[in-house]
N, C-alpha and C. Protein backbone atom coordinates (compact mmCIF):
# COMPACT_ATOMS: atom_id res chain seq x y z
N UNK A 1 0.83 -1.18 0.00
CA UNK A 1 0.00 0.00 0.00
C UNK A 1 0.88 1.25 0.00
N UNK A 2 0.64 2.13 -0.93
CA UNK A 2 1.42 3.37 -0.98
C UNK A 2 1.19 4.20 0.27
N UNK A 3 2.26 4.71 0.85
CA UNK A 3 2.16 5.55 2.03
C UNK A 3 2.12 4.79 3.34
N UNK A 4 2.26 3.47 3.27
CA UNK A 4 2.18 2.65 4.48
C UNK A 4 3.29 3.01 5.48
N UNK A 5 4.49 3.22 4.99
CA UNK A 5 5.62 3.58 5.85
C UNK A 5 5.32 4.89 6.57
N UNK A 6 4.80 5.87 5.86
CA UNK A 6 4.46 7.16 6.46
C UNK A 6 3.35 6.99 7.50
N UNK A 7 2.37 6.16 7.23
CA UNK A 7 1.29 5.92 8.19
C UNK A 7 1.82 5.30 9.49
N UNK A 8 2.75 4.37 9.36
CA UNK A 8 3.35 3.77 10.56
C UNK A 8 4.11 4.82 11.35
N UNK A 9 4.87 5.66 10.66
CA UNK A 9 5.61 6.72 11.35
C UNK A 9 4.66 7.70 12.04
N UNK A 10 3.62 8.11 11.35
CA UNK A 10 2.65 9.05 11.93
C UNK A 10 1.89 8.42 13.09
N UNK A 11 1.57 7.14 12.98
CA UNK A 11 0.92 6.45 14.09
C UNK A 11 1.80 6.38 15.32
N UNK A 12 3.08 6.10 15.10
CA UNK A 12 4.03 6.05 16.21
C UNK A 12 4.17 7.42 16.87
N UNK A 13 4.32 8.43 16.04
CA UNK A 13 4.46 9.79 16.56
C UNK A 13 3.19 10.23 17.28
N UNK A 14 2.05 9.94 16.72
CA UNK A 14 0.78 10.29 17.36
C UNK A 14 0.60 9.63 18.70
N UNK A 15 1.02 8.38 18.81
CA UNK A 15 0.85 7.67 20.09
C UNK A 15 1.73 8.27 21.18
N UNK A 16 2.95 8.67 20.85
CA UNK A 16 3.80 9.26 21.90
C UNK A 16 3.42 10.70 22.19
N UNK A 17 2.85 11.41 21.22
CA UNK A 17 2.32 12.76 21.51
C UNK A 17 1.18 12.62 22.52
N UNK A 18 0.31 11.66 22.29
CA UNK A 18 -0.79 11.41 23.23
C UNK A 18 -0.26 10.99 24.59
N UNK A 19 0.73 10.11 24.60
CA UNK A 19 1.34 9.66 25.85
C UNK A 19 1.97 10.83 26.60
N UNK A 20 2.65 11.72 25.89
CA UNK A 20 3.28 12.88 26.49
C UNK A 20 2.23 13.76 27.17
N UNK A 21 1.09 13.93 26.52
CA UNK A 21 0.01 14.76 27.10
C UNK A 21 -0.65 14.08 28.28
N UNK A 22 -1.02 12.81 28.11
CA UNK A 22 -1.74 12.10 29.17
C UNK A 22 -0.88 11.97 30.42
N UNK A 23 0.39 11.65 30.25
CA UNK A 23 1.29 11.47 31.39
C UNK A 23 1.87 12.80 31.88
N UNK A 24 1.55 13.89 31.18
CA UNK A 24 2.05 15.23 31.54
C UNK A 24 3.56 15.27 31.70
N UNK A 25 4.24 14.74 30.69
CA UNK A 25 5.69 14.68 30.73
C UNK A 25 6.33 15.99 30.30
N UNK A 26 5.74 16.67 29.33
CA UNK A 26 6.27 17.96 28.89
C UNK A 26 7.46 17.87 27.95
N UNK A 27 7.75 16.70 27.42
CA UNK A 27 8.89 16.55 26.52
C UNK A 27 8.70 17.40 25.27
N UNK A 28 7.51 17.37 24.71
CA UNK A 28 7.26 18.08 23.46
C UNK A 28 7.09 19.58 23.66
N UNK A 29 6.81 20.02 24.87
CA UNK A 29 6.74 21.45 25.15
C UNK A 29 8.12 22.09 25.18
N UNK A 30 9.13 21.29 25.42
CA UNK A 30 10.51 21.78 25.44
C UNK A 30 11.12 21.61 24.05
N UNK A 31 10.53 22.24 23.05
CA UNK A 31 10.88 22.01 21.66
C UNK A 31 12.32 22.41 21.34
N UNK A 32 12.86 23.42 22.01
CA UNK A 32 14.26 23.80 21.73
C UNK A 32 15.22 22.69 22.16
N UNK A 33 14.99 22.15 23.35
CA UNK A 33 15.84 21.06 23.83
C UNK A 33 15.68 19.83 22.93
N UNK A 34 14.46 19.60 22.50
CA UNK A 34 14.17 18.47 21.61
C UNK A 34 14.91 18.64 20.29
N UNK A 35 14.88 19.84 19.75
CA UNK A 35 15.57 20.12 18.50
C UNK A 35 17.08 19.95 18.63
N UNK A 36 17.64 20.46 19.70
CA UNK A 36 19.08 20.33 19.93
C UNK A 36 19.48 18.87 20.09
N UNK A 37 18.61 18.09 20.68
CA UNK A 37 18.89 16.67 20.89
C UNK A 37 18.77 15.88 19.59
N UNK A 38 17.73 16.17 18.82
CA UNK A 38 17.45 15.36 17.63
C UNK A 38 18.28 15.75 16.41
N UNK A 39 18.64 17.01 16.28
CA UNK A 39 19.31 17.48 15.06
C UNK A 39 20.61 16.73 14.76
N UNK A 40 21.53 16.59 15.71
CA UNK A 40 22.78 15.88 15.37
C UNK A 40 22.55 14.41 15.01
N UNK A 41 21.69 13.74 15.76
CA UNK A 41 21.42 12.32 15.48
C UNK A 41 20.74 12.16 14.13
N UNK A 42 19.81 13.03 13.83
CA UNK A 42 19.11 12.97 12.54
C UNK A 42 20.09 13.20 11.40
N UNK A 43 20.96 14.18 11.55
CA UNK A 43 21.95 14.46 10.50
C UNK A 43 22.86 13.25 10.28
N UNK A 44 23.31 12.62 11.34
CA UNK A 44 24.19 11.45 11.21
C UNK A 44 23.47 10.28 10.54
N UNK A 45 22.23 10.05 10.92
CA UNK A 45 21.48 8.94 10.33
C UNK A 45 21.22 9.19 8.85
N UNK A 46 20.87 10.42 8.49
CA UNK A 46 20.65 10.73 7.08
C UNK A 46 21.94 10.62 6.28
N UNK A 47 23.05 11.02 6.87
CA UNK A 47 24.35 10.85 6.21
C UNK A 47 24.64 9.37 5.99
N UNK A 48 24.37 8.57 7.01
CA UNK A 48 24.57 7.13 6.90
C UNK A 48 23.68 6.54 5.80
N UNK A 49 22.42 6.98 5.74
CA UNK A 49 21.53 6.53 4.67
C UNK A 49 22.07 6.90 3.30
N UNK A 50 22.56 8.11 3.18
CA UNK A 50 23.10 8.58 1.90
C UNK A 50 24.32 7.75 1.49
N UNK A 51 25.20 7.47 2.44
CA UNK A 51 26.36 6.62 2.15
C UNK A 51 25.90 5.23 1.75
N UNK A 52 24.91 4.71 2.46
CA UNK A 52 24.39 3.38 2.13
C UNK A 52 23.80 3.32 0.73
N UNK A 53 23.08 4.35 0.34
CA UNK A 53 22.49 4.39 -0.99
C UNK A 53 23.58 4.48 -2.06
N UNK A 54 24.53 5.36 -1.82
CA UNK A 54 25.59 5.58 -2.81
C UNK A 54 26.57 4.41 -2.90
N UNK A 55 26.97 3.90 -1.76
CA UNK A 55 28.04 2.89 -1.76
C UNK A 55 27.52 1.47 -1.90
N UNK A 56 26.42 1.16 -1.24
CA UNK A 56 25.96 -0.23 -1.20
C UNK A 56 24.63 -0.44 -1.92
N UNK A 57 24.09 0.61 -2.49
CA UNK A 57 22.86 0.48 -3.25
C UNK A 57 21.61 0.21 -2.43
N UNK A 58 21.60 0.71 -1.19
CA UNK A 58 20.41 0.53 -0.36
C UNK A 58 19.22 1.14 -1.07
N UNK A 59 18.08 0.55 -0.88
CA UNK A 59 16.85 1.10 -1.45
C UNK A 59 15.67 0.67 -0.58
N UNK A 60 14.65 1.50 -0.60
CA UNK A 60 13.41 1.18 0.12
C UNK A 60 12.42 0.60 -0.87
N UNK A 61 11.47 -0.14 -0.36
CA UNK A 61 10.44 -0.74 -1.19
C UNK A 61 9.52 0.38 -1.71
N UNK A 62 9.51 0.67 -2.99
CA UNK A 62 8.69 1.76 -3.52
C UNK A 62 7.19 1.53 -3.35
N UNK A 63 6.77 0.30 -3.11
CA UNK A 63 5.35 0.01 -2.95
C UNK A 63 4.78 0.60 -1.66
N UNK A 64 5.62 0.88 -0.65
CA UNK A 64 5.14 1.41 0.62
C UNK A 64 5.49 2.88 0.82
N UNK A 65 6.14 3.49 -0.15
CA UNK A 65 6.55 4.90 -0.06
C UNK A 65 5.56 5.80 -0.79
N UNK A 66 5.55 7.07 -0.39
CA UNK A 66 4.70 8.04 -1.09
C UNK A 66 5.33 8.48 -2.41
N UNK A 67 6.63 8.56 -2.43
CA UNK A 67 7.27 8.92 -3.69
C UNK A 67 8.24 10.08 -3.62
N UNK A 68 7.96 11.17 -2.89
CA UNK A 68 8.91 12.28 -2.89
C UNK A 68 10.26 11.87 -2.30
N UNK A 69 11.32 12.31 -2.93
CA UNK A 69 12.68 12.01 -2.48
C UNK A 69 13.44 13.31 -2.33
N UNK A 70 14.44 13.29 -1.44
CA UNK A 70 15.31 14.44 -1.24
C UNK A 70 16.75 14.05 -1.44
N UNK A 71 17.63 15.00 -1.20
CA UNK A 71 19.09 14.81 -1.37
C UNK A 71 19.39 14.25 -2.77
N UNK A 72 18.94 14.98 -3.75
CA UNK A 72 19.21 14.58 -5.13
C UNK A 72 18.39 13.39 -5.58
N UNK A 73 17.23 13.16 -4.97
CA UNK A 73 16.39 12.04 -5.36
C UNK A 73 16.84 10.71 -4.82
N UNK A 74 17.72 10.73 -3.80
CA UNK A 74 18.28 9.48 -3.28
C UNK A 74 17.58 8.96 -2.02
N UNK A 75 17.08 9.88 -1.20
CA UNK A 75 16.50 9.48 0.10
C UNK A 75 15.00 9.78 0.08
N UNK A 76 14.16 8.77 0.37
CA UNK A 76 12.71 9.01 0.39
C UNK A 76 12.29 9.89 1.57
N UNK A 77 11.17 10.56 1.39
CA UNK A 77 10.61 11.44 2.42
C UNK A 77 10.53 10.74 3.77
N UNK A 78 10.08 9.52 3.77
CA UNK A 78 9.90 8.78 5.02
C UNK A 78 11.21 8.58 5.77
N UNK A 79 12.30 8.45 5.04
CA UNK A 79 13.60 8.28 5.71
C UNK A 79 14.06 9.56 6.40
N UNK A 80 13.58 10.71 5.94
CA UNK A 80 13.88 11.97 6.63
C UNK A 80 13.13 12.02 7.96
N UNK A 81 11.94 11.45 7.98
CA UNK A 81 11.11 11.48 9.18
C UNK A 81 11.48 10.40 10.18
N UNK A 82 12.01 9.28 9.70
CA UNK A 82 12.30 8.14 10.57
C UNK A 82 13.17 8.50 11.78
N UNK A 83 14.34 9.15 11.62
CA UNK A 83 15.15 9.44 12.81
C UNK A 83 14.47 10.41 13.77
N UNK A 84 13.65 11.31 13.25
CA UNK A 84 12.94 12.24 14.12
C UNK A 84 11.89 11.49 14.93
N UNK A 85 11.11 10.66 14.27
CA UNK A 85 10.05 9.91 14.96
C UNK A 85 10.65 8.96 15.99
N UNK A 86 11.68 8.23 15.62
CA UNK A 86 12.30 7.30 16.56
C UNK A 86 12.92 8.06 17.74
N UNK A 87 13.53 9.19 17.47
CA UNK A 87 14.12 10.00 18.54
C UNK A 87 13.07 10.52 19.50
N UNK A 88 11.97 11.04 18.98
CA UNK A 88 10.90 11.55 19.83
C UNK A 88 10.29 10.41 20.64
N UNK A 89 10.04 9.27 20.00
CA UNK A 89 9.49 8.11 20.72
C UNK A 89 10.43 7.69 21.85
N UNK A 90 11.70 7.62 21.56
CA UNK A 90 12.67 7.22 22.57
C UNK A 90 12.74 8.19 23.73
N UNK A 91 12.75 9.49 23.44
CA UNK A 91 12.83 10.49 24.51
C UNK A 91 11.58 10.51 25.37
N UNK A 92 10.42 10.40 24.76
CA UNK A 92 9.18 10.39 25.54
C UNK A 92 9.12 9.14 26.43
N UNK A 93 9.47 7.99 25.88
CA UNK A 93 9.45 6.78 26.69
C UNK A 93 10.50 6.81 27.80
N UNK A 94 11.66 7.37 27.50
CA UNK A 94 12.72 7.53 28.52
C UNK A 94 12.21 8.40 29.66
N UNK A 95 11.58 9.51 29.32
CA UNK A 95 11.07 10.41 30.34
C UNK A 95 9.93 9.77 31.14
N UNK A 96 9.09 8.99 30.48
CA UNK A 96 8.00 8.30 31.18
C UNK A 96 8.55 7.32 32.21
N UNK A 97 9.53 6.53 31.82
CA UNK A 97 10.13 5.58 32.75
C UNK A 97 10.79 6.33 33.91
N UNK A 98 11.52 7.40 33.60
CA UNK A 98 12.16 8.19 34.66
C UNK A 98 11.14 8.80 35.61
N UNK A 99 10.04 9.32 35.06
CA UNK A 99 9.00 9.92 35.90
C UNK A 99 8.37 8.88 36.82
N UNK A 100 8.12 7.70 36.29
CA UNK A 100 7.52 6.65 37.11
C UNK A 100 8.48 6.18 38.20
N UNK A 101 9.75 6.09 37.89
CA UNK A 101 10.73 5.70 38.91
C UNK A 101 10.86 6.77 39.98
N UNK A 102 10.83 8.05 39.57
CA UNK A 102 10.90 9.14 40.55
C UNK A 102 9.67 9.14 41.45
N UNK A 103 8.52 8.77 40.92
CA UNK A 103 7.30 8.70 41.73
C UNK A 103 7.41 7.61 42.79
N UNK A 104 8.02 6.52 42.47
CA UNK A 104 8.12 5.39 43.41
C UNK A 104 9.14 5.64 44.50
N UNK A 105 10.23 6.31 44.18
CA UNK A 105 11.32 6.48 45.12
C UNK A 105 10.89 7.19 46.41
N UNK A 106 10.26 8.35 46.36
CA UNK A 106 9.90 9.02 47.62
C UNK A 106 8.92 8.20 48.47
N UNK A 107 7.97 7.52 47.86
CA UNK A 107 7.01 6.74 48.64
C UNK A 107 7.70 5.58 49.33
N UNK A 108 8.69 5.00 48.69
CA UNK A 108 9.43 3.89 49.31
C UNK A 108 10.22 4.41 50.51
N UNK A 109 10.81 5.60 50.39
CA UNK A 109 11.57 6.17 51.51
C UNK A 109 10.65 6.50 52.67
N UNK A 110 9.49 7.10 52.38
CA UNK A 110 8.55 7.44 53.44
C UNK A 110 8.10 6.19 54.18
N UNK A 111 7.85 5.11 53.42
CA UNK A 111 7.41 3.87 54.04
C UNK A 111 8.46 3.30 54.98
N UNK A 112 9.72 3.33 54.56
CA UNK A 112 10.79 2.81 55.40
C UNK A 112 10.99 3.68 56.63
N UNK A 113 10.94 4.99 56.45
CA UNK A 113 11.12 5.89 57.60
C UNK A 113 10.00 5.71 58.59
N UNK A 114 8.79 5.56 58.06
CA UNK A 114 7.62 5.37 58.94
C UNK A 114 7.74 4.10 59.76
N UNK A 115 8.20 3.02 59.12
CA UNK A 115 8.35 1.74 59.82
C UNK A 115 9.46 1.83 60.86
N UNK A 116 10.53 2.50 60.52
CA UNK A 116 11.65 2.61 61.46
C UNK A 116 11.26 3.43 62.67
N UNK A 117 10.44 4.44 62.47
CA UNK A 117 10.04 5.30 63.58
C UNK A 117 9.13 4.55 64.56
N UNK A 118 8.37 3.58 64.08
CA UNK A 118 7.44 2.84 64.93
C UNK A 118 8.18 1.81 65.76
N UNK A 119 9.27 1.28 65.25
CA UNK A 119 10.01 0.25 65.97
C UNK A 119 10.65 0.81 67.24
N UNK A 120 10.67 0.03 68.31
CA UNK A 120 11.28 0.49 69.58
C UNK A 120 12.78 0.43 69.55
């Protein structure tokens, strides 16, 4: 199906945008930090893709792509979005795990302190 790759990317991005809002993580509200974090990794991945296309003849399945290509017609649109989507997904999930661990830590300390105070 044409555009299938883009739909998967948009579905992934949409799910973590929703997760960021529901869990009130604020990762996407800090867009400058997000940009600074994603830009170098995205540039390196796109460079790697370009080298792969030029040197080893990498190619994507045209049946699942929309068609527009960049960098001289070598890299499909979806490959430009892939490192951004994966980076955003990774950062949101990283922050979610960190937030949940931070929530557990203080309650565990309070429980231990409370028990120790009761003991004679």
